[in-house]
Amino acid sequence: MPSFGTLKADTLTHSTAGSVTTDFVVDGATVCCAMIDMPNDFSGGANNVTGSINVSSFTDSSTGNGIAIPTNSFSSQTDRVVVTGAVGSNKLTAFITGSTASQVSLQATDAATDTEQDQVMIFTATGTLA
């Protein structure tokens, strides 16, 4: 079967579900996400990265703190929207001080005491890649 190369479109239309501009698909899609098992709760090893999209590695920088390295950087430090989550009743903050276009700083804290602690971190980011 021959290859047809590039498909160019400004709008995608479904027969019954409506239309969406391709800007939404390019700029609004999940471009970086992962589950990071800092405490080794799932037997993959401490700081194991699983279920990731565009995450090449994770570095544990201190208790409850780490840096996820995207395989492909964001276009800028501020060009992204983040949805975060964590296991249990704890909190996860992403893109804290130290984040750049090429690294995502993460911090997990206990919800009751606000002390930093190793947790299973789950984060998702949308935005524009460089």
N, C-alpha and C. Protein backbone atom coordinates (compact mmCIF):
# COMPACT_ATOMS: atom_id res chain seq x y z
N MET A 1 0.86 -1.18 0.00
CA MET A 1 0.00 0.00 0.00
C MET A 1 0.90 1.24 0.00
N PRO A 2 0.64 2.21 -0.85
CA PRO A 2 1.48 3.40 -0.92
C PRO A 2 1.24 4.31 0.28
N SER A 3 2.26 5.03 0.65
CA SER A 3 2.16 6.02 1.71
C SER A 3 1.75 7.35 1.10
N PHE A 4 0.85 8.06 1.77
CA PHE A 4 0.36 9.32 1.24
C PHE A 4 0.98 10.53 1.90
N GLY A 5 1.90 10.35 2.86
CA GLY A 5 2.62 11.48 3.44
C GLY A 5 1.84 12.23 4.48
N THR A 6 1.64 13.50 4.27
CA THR A 6 1.08 14.41 5.26
C THR A 6 -0.41 14.63 5.06
N LEU A 7 -1.16 14.59 6.15
CA LEU A 7 -2.58 14.92 6.14
C LEU A 7 -2.71 16.28 6.79
N LYS A 8 -3.32 17.23 6.10
CA LYS A 8 -3.49 18.58 6.64
C LYS A 8 -4.97 18.85 6.81
N ALA A 9 -5.36 19.30 8.02
CA ALA A 9 -6.76 19.61 8.28
C ALA A 9 -6.84 20.64 9.39
N ASP A 10 -7.80 21.54 9.31
CA ASP A 10 -8.03 22.53 10.35
C ASP A 10 -9.11 22.09 11.32
N THR A 11 -10.01 21.20 10.86
CA THR A 11 -11.13 20.75 11.68
C THR A 11 -11.34 19.26 11.46
N LEU A 12 -11.66 18.55 12.54
CA LEU A 12 -12.05 17.15 12.46
C LEU A 12 -13.54 17.08 12.77
N THR A 13 -14.31 16.41 11.94
CA THR A 13 -15.75 16.33 12.12
C THR A 13 -16.18 14.88 12.20
N HIS A 14 -17.00 14.58 13.20
CA HIS A 14 -17.58 13.25 13.36
C HIS A 14 -19.01 13.33 12.85
N SER A 15 -19.52 12.25 12.29
CA SER A 15 -20.85 12.28 11.68
C SER A 15 -21.96 12.62 12.66
N THR A 16 -21.80 12.27 13.95
CA THR A 16 -22.86 12.56 14.92
C THR A 16 -22.38 13.31 16.16
N ALA A 17 -21.08 13.34 16.41
CA ALA A 17 -20.58 13.92 17.67
C ALA A 17 -20.10 15.36 17.54
N GLY A 18 -20.14 15.94 16.36
CA GLY A 18 -19.72 17.33 16.21
C GLY A 18 -18.31 17.45 15.68
N SER A 19 -17.74 18.66 15.87
CA SER A 19 -16.43 18.98 15.32
C SER A 19 -15.49 19.52 16.38
N VAL A 20 -14.19 19.43 16.10
CA VAL A 20 -13.16 20.01 16.95
C VAL A 20 -12.04 20.49 16.05
N THR A 21 -11.47 21.65 16.39
CA THR A 21 -10.35 22.13 15.58
C THR A 21 -9.11 21.31 15.91
N THR A 22 -8.21 21.23 14.97
CA THR A 22 -6.99 20.46 15.19
C THR A 22 -6.07 21.15 16.18
N ASP A 23 -6.25 22.46 16.44
CA ASP A 23 -5.49 23.14 17.50
C ASP A 23 -5.75 22.48 18.84
N PHE A 24 -7.00 22.08 19.09
CA PHE A 24 -7.35 21.42 20.34
C PHE A 24 -6.60 20.10 20.46
N VAL A 25 -6.53 19.36 19.39
CA VAL A 25 -5.85 18.06 19.40
C VAL A 25 -4.35 18.24 19.64
N VAL A 26 -3.75 19.21 18.98
CA VAL A 26 -2.31 19.44 19.10
C VAL A 26 -1.96 20.05 20.46
N ASP A 27 -2.68 21.10 20.89
CA ASP A 27 -2.33 21.83 22.10
C ASP A 27 -2.99 21.29 23.37
N GLY A 28 -4.07 20.51 23.25
CA GLY A 28 -4.80 20.10 24.43
C GLY A 28 -4.65 18.65 24.81
N ALA A 29 -3.89 17.90 24.06
CA ALA A 29 -3.72 16.49 24.35
C ALA A 29 -2.71 16.27 25.48
N THR A 30 -2.87 15.15 26.19
CA THR A 30 -1.88 14.79 27.21
C THR A 30 -0.55 14.55 26.52
N VAL A 31 0.47 15.28 26.95
CA VAL A 31 1.78 15.12 26.34
C VAL A 31 2.82 14.59 27.32
N CYS A 32 2.45 14.48 28.59
CA CYS A 32 3.39 13.98 29.59
C CYS A 32 2.59 13.45 30.78
N CYS A 33 2.78 12.19 31.12
CA CYS A 33 2.11 11.65 32.30
C CYS A 33 2.86 10.41 32.77
N ALA A 34 2.70 10.11 34.05
CA ALA A 34 3.36 8.92 34.60
C ALA A 34 2.83 8.60 35.99
N MET A 35 3.05 7.36 36.39
CA MET A 35 2.91 6.95 37.79
C MET A 35 4.32 6.65 38.27
N ILE A 36 4.72 7.29 39.35
CA ILE A 36 6.06 7.11 39.90
C ILE A 36 5.91 6.51 41.30
N ASP A 37 6.47 5.34 41.48
CA ASP A 37 6.35 4.59 42.73
C ASP A 37 7.58 4.86 43.60
N MET A 38 7.57 6.00 44.31
CA MET A 38 8.73 6.35 45.15
C MET A 38 9.01 5.31 46.24
N PRO A 39 7.98 4.86 47.00
CA PRO A 39 8.27 3.95 48.12
C PRO A 39 8.32 2.47 47.75
N ASN A 40 8.18 2.11 46.47
CA ASN A 40 8.16 0.72 46.03
C ASN A 40 6.94 -0.03 46.57
N ASP A 41 5.77 0.59 46.48
CA ASP A 41 4.53 -0.05 46.91
C ASP A 41 4.07 -1.16 45.98
N PHE A 42 4.53 -1.15 44.73
CA PHE A 42 4.05 -2.10 43.74
C PHE A 42 5.14 -3.04 43.24
N SER A 43 6.20 -3.21 43.99
CA SER A 43 7.27 -4.17 43.73
C SER A 43 8.03 -3.95 42.43
N GLY A 44 8.04 -2.74 41.89
CA GLY A 44 8.82 -2.46 40.69
C GLY A 44 10.16 -1.83 41.02
N GLY A 45 10.39 -1.60 42.30
CA GLY A 45 11.61 -0.93 42.72
C GLY A 45 11.29 0.52 43.09
N ALA A 46 12.02 1.04 44.05
CA ALA A 46 11.80 2.43 44.47
C ALA A 46 12.04 3.36 43.29
N ASN A 47 11.19 4.36 43.17
CA ASN A 47 11.25 5.39 42.12
C ASN A 47 10.99 4.84 40.72
N ASN A 48 10.31 3.71 40.64
CA ASN A 48 9.98 3.10 39.36
C ASN A 48 8.94 3.94 38.62
N VAL A 49 9.19 4.21 37.33
CA VAL A 49 8.26 4.95 36.48
C VAL A 49 7.46 3.94 35.67
N THR A 50 6.11 3.96 35.81
CA THR A 50 5.26 3.04 35.06
C THR A 50 4.15 3.82 34.37
N GLY A 51 3.57 3.22 33.36
CA GLY A 51 2.44 3.81 32.67
C GLY A 51 2.72 5.21 32.16
N SER A 52 3.91 5.44 31.66
CA SER A 52 4.27 6.81 31.30
C SER A 52 4.08 7.11 29.82
N ILE A 53 3.84 8.37 29.55
CA ILE A 53 3.86 8.92 28.21
C ILE A 53 4.85 10.07 28.26
N ASN A 54 5.87 10.03 27.44
CA ASN A 54 6.85 11.11 27.32
C ASN A 54 7.61 11.38 28.62
N VAL A 55 7.89 10.36 29.41
CA VAL A 55 8.73 10.51 30.60
C VAL A 55 9.88 9.52 30.45
N SER A 56 11.11 10.06 30.38
CA SER A 56 12.26 9.18 30.16
C SER A 56 12.87 8.69 31.46
N SER A 57 12.79 9.50 32.54
CA SER A 57 13.39 9.08 33.80
C SER A 57 12.84 9.90 34.96
N PHE A 58 13.15 9.44 36.17
CA PHE A 58 12.76 10.13 37.40
C PHE A 58 13.94 10.08 38.36
N THR A 59 14.23 11.21 38.99
CA THR A 59 15.30 11.28 39.98
C THR A 59 14.70 11.66 41.33
N ASP A 60 14.99 10.86 42.35
CA ASP A 60 14.55 11.15 43.72
C ASP A 60 15.53 12.16 44.31
N SER A 61 15.07 13.40 44.53
CA SER A 61 15.98 14.43 45.02
C SER A 61 16.00 14.55 46.55
N SER A 62 14.93 14.13 47.21
CA SER A 62 14.87 14.08 48.68
C SER A 62 13.53 13.46 49.05
N THR A 63 13.28 13.25 50.33
CA THR A 63 12.02 12.65 50.76
C THR A 63 10.84 13.44 50.22
N GLY A 64 9.99 12.76 49.45
CA GLY A 64 8.79 13.39 48.90
C GLY A 64 9.02 14.28 47.70
N ASN A 65 10.25 14.42 47.26
CA ASN A 65 10.57 15.32 46.15
C ASN A 65 11.31 14.57 45.05
N GLY A 66 10.98 14.91 43.81
CA GLY A 66 11.67 14.29 42.70
C GLY A 66 11.50 15.09 41.42
N ILE A 67 12.24 14.66 40.42
CA ILE A 67 12.24 15.35 39.14
C ILE A 67 11.98 14.33 38.04
N ALA A 68 10.90 14.55 37.29
CA ALA A 68 10.60 13.74 36.12
C ALA A 68 11.16 14.45 34.90
N ILE A 69 11.84 13.68 34.05
CA ILE A 69 12.45 14.24 32.85
C ILE A 69 11.63 13.80 31.64
N PRO A 70 10.97 14.76 30.95
CA PRO A 70 10.24 14.40 29.74
C PRO A 70 11.19 13.96 28.62
N THR A 71 10.78 13.00 27.84
CA THR A 71 11.56 12.58 26.68
C THR A 71 11.68 13.75 25.70
N ASN A 72 10.57 14.46 25.50
CA ASN A 72 10.53 15.65 24.66
C ASN A 72 10.10 16.82 25.52
N SER A 73 10.84 17.91 25.52
CA SER A 73 10.57 19.06 26.38
C SER A 73 9.32 19.81 25.96
N PHE A 74 8.78 20.58 26.91
CA PHE A 74 7.70 21.51 26.61
C PHE A 74 8.29 22.70 25.86
N SER A 75 7.44 23.47 25.18
CA SER A 75 7.94 24.61 24.41
C SER A 75 8.44 25.73 25.32
N SER A 76 7.92 25.80 26.54
CA SER A 76 8.40 26.79 27.50
C SER A 76 8.09 26.30 28.91
N GLN A 77 8.63 26.98 29.90
CA GLN A 77 8.40 26.59 31.30
C GLN A 77 6.93 26.71 31.69
N THR A 78 6.22 27.66 31.12
CA THR A 78 4.85 27.93 31.54
C THR A 78 3.79 27.43 30.56
N ASP A 79 4.19 26.80 29.48
CA ASP A 79 3.23 26.39 28.46
C ASP A 79 2.70 24.99 28.72
N ARG A 80 1.97 24.83 29.83
CA ARG A 80 1.37 23.54 30.15
C ARG A 80 0.30 23.71 31.22
N VAL A 81 -0.61 22.76 31.25
CA VAL A 81 -1.65 22.69 32.26
C VAL A 81 -1.49 21.34 32.93
N VAL A 82 -1.59 21.29 34.25
CA VAL A 82 -1.30 20.06 34.97
C VAL A 82 -2.52 19.59 35.76
N VAL A 83 -2.77 18.30 35.67
CA VAL A 83 -3.74 17.65 36.54
C VAL A 83 -2.93 16.68 37.38
N THR A 84 -3.04 16.77 38.69
CA THR A 84 -2.22 15.91 39.53
C THR A 84 -3.07 15.05 40.44
N GLY A 85 -2.47 14.03 40.99
CA GLY A 85 -3.16 13.17 41.93
C GLY A 85 -2.15 12.37 42.72
N ALA A 86 -2.59 11.71 43.73
CA ALA A 86 -1.73 10.87 44.53
C ALA A 86 -2.56 9.75 45.15
N VAL A 87 -1.91 8.80 45.77
CA VAL A 87 -2.60 7.69 46.39
C VAL A 87 -3.09 8.09 47.78
N GLY A 88 -4.26 7.63 48.17
CA GLY A 88 -4.79 7.88 49.51
C GLY A 88 -5.22 9.32 49.69
N SER A 89 -5.03 9.83 50.89
CA SER A 89 -5.48 11.18 51.22
C SER A 89 -4.33 12.18 51.18
N ASN A 90 -3.27 11.85 50.49
CA ASN A 90 -2.12 12.74 50.44
C ASN A 90 -2.19 13.69 49.25
N LYS A 91 -1.27 14.64 49.20
CA LYS A 91 -1.27 15.66 48.16
C LYS A 91 -0.04 15.53 47.27
N LEU A 92 -0.20 15.93 46.02
CA LEU A 92 0.91 15.99 45.09
C LEU A 92 0.88 17.34 44.41
N THR A 93 2.02 18.02 44.43
CA THR A 93 2.16 19.29 43.74
C THR A 93 3.16 19.11 42.62
N ALA A 94 2.78 19.49 41.43
CA ALA A 94 3.68 19.37 40.28
C ALA A 94 4.09 20.75 39.80
N PHE A 95 5.19 20.80 39.11
CA PHE A 95 5.72 22.04 38.56
C PHE A 95 6.00 23.07 39.65
N ILE A 96 6.57 22.60 40.75
CA ILE A 96 6.98 23.51 41.81
C ILE A 96 8.28 24.19 41.41
N THR A 97 8.82 25.02 42.27
CA THR A 97 10.09 25.70 41.99
C THR A 97 11.12 24.68 41.52
N GLY A 98 11.82 25.02 40.47
CA GLY A 98 12.80 24.11 39.90
C GLY A 98 12.34 23.49 38.60
N SER A 99 11.05 23.60 38.29
CA SER A 99 10.56 23.09 37.01
C SER A 99 11.05 23.98 35.87
N THR A 100 11.35 23.34 34.77
CA THR A 100 11.74 24.06 33.56
C THR A 100 10.99 23.43 32.40
N ALA A 101 11.30 23.86 31.19
CA ALA A 101 10.67 23.26 30.02
C ALA A 101 11.11 21.81 29.85
N SER A 102 12.25 21.45 30.44
CA SER A 102 12.78 20.09 30.25
C SER A 102 12.82 19.25 31.53
N GLN A 103 12.21 19.73 32.61
CA GLN A 103 12.08 18.89 33.80
C GLN A 103 10.87 19.31 34.61
N VAL A 104 10.20 18.32 35.20
CA VAL A 104 9.00 18.52 35.99
C VAL A 104 9.33 18.21 37.44
N SER A 105 9.32 19.22 38.29
CA SER A 105 9.58 18.99 39.71
C SER A 105 8.27 18.61 40.40
N LEU A 106 8.33 17.56 41.22
CA LEU A 106 7.15 17.03 41.91
C LEU A 106 7.41 16.99 43.41
N GLN A 107 6.35 17.19 44.19
CA GLN A 107 6.47 17.10 45.64
C GLN A 107 5.22 16.45 46.22
N ALA A 108 5.40 15.41 47.03
CA ALA A 108 4.30 14.72 47.70
C ALA A 108 4.33 15.04 49.18
N THR A 109 3.18 15.40 49.72
CA THR A 109 3.09 15.72 51.14
C THR A 109 1.90 15.01 51.78
N ASP A 110 1.99 14.78 53.07
CA ASP A 110 0.89 14.22 53.84
C ASP A 110 -0.19 15.29 53.95
N ALA A 111 -1.43 14.93 53.66
CA ALA A 111 -2.51 15.91 53.66
C ALA A 111 -2.79 16.49 55.05
N ALA A 112 -2.59 15.70 56.10
CA ALA A 112 -2.90 16.17 57.45
C ALA A 112 -1.79 17.02 58.04
N THR A 113 -0.55 16.63 57.83
CA THR A 113 0.56 17.33 58.49
C THR A 113 1.36 18.23 57.55
N ASP A 114 1.14 18.10 56.25
CA ASP A 114 1.84 18.85 55.21
C ASP A 114 3.34 18.57 55.19
N THR A 115 3.75 17.44 55.78
CA THR A 115 5.17 17.06 55.74
C THR A 115 5.44 16.26 54.46
N GLU A 116 6.61 16.46 53.90
CA GLU A 116 6.99 15.76 52.68
C GLU A 116 7.22 14.29 52.99
N GLN A 117 6.70 13.42 52.13
CA GLN A 117 6.90 11.99 52.31
C GLN A 117 6.83 11.28 50.95
N ASP A 118 7.58 10.19 50.82
CA ASP A 118 7.58 9.42 49.59
C ASP A 118 6.19 8.80 49.40
N GLN A 119 5.64 9.00 48.24
CA GLN A 119 4.31 8.50 47.89
C GLN A 119 4.33 7.98 46.46
N VAL A 120 3.28 7.29 46.07
CA VAL A 120 3.09 6.98 44.68
C VAL A 120 2.54 8.25 44.04
N MET A 121 3.29 8.78 43.09
CA MET A 121 2.92 10.04 42.43
C MET A 121 2.31 9.75 41.07
N ILE A 122 1.21 10.39 40.77
CA ILE A 122 0.58 10.28 39.46
C ILE A 122 0.36 11.70 38.97
N PHE A 123 0.89 12.01 37.77
CA PHE A 123 0.65 13.34 37.22
C PHE A 123 0.38 13.26 35.73
N THR A 124 -0.36 14.23 35.25
CA THR A 124 -0.66 14.37 33.83
C THR A 124 -0.50 15.82 33.45
N ALA A 125 0.11 16.08 32.31
CA ALA A 125 0.30 17.44 31.83
C ALA A 125 -0.12 17.56 30.37
N THR A 126 -0.82 18.63 30.07
CA THR A 126 -1.13 18.96 28.69
C THR A 126 -0.36 20.21 28.32
N GLY A 127 -0.14 20.43 27.07
CA GLY A 127 0.57 21.62 26.65
C GLY A 127 1.17 21.43 25.29
N THR A 128 2.14 22.25 24.97
CA THR A 128 2.78 22.22 23.66
C THR A 128 4.21 21.75 23.81
N LEU A 129 4.58 20.77 23.02
CA LEU A 129 5.96 20.28 23.05
C LEU A 129 6.83 21.17 22.17
N ALA A 130 8.12 21.21 22.52
CA ALA A 130 9.07 22.02 21.74
C ALA A 130 9.25 21.45 20.36
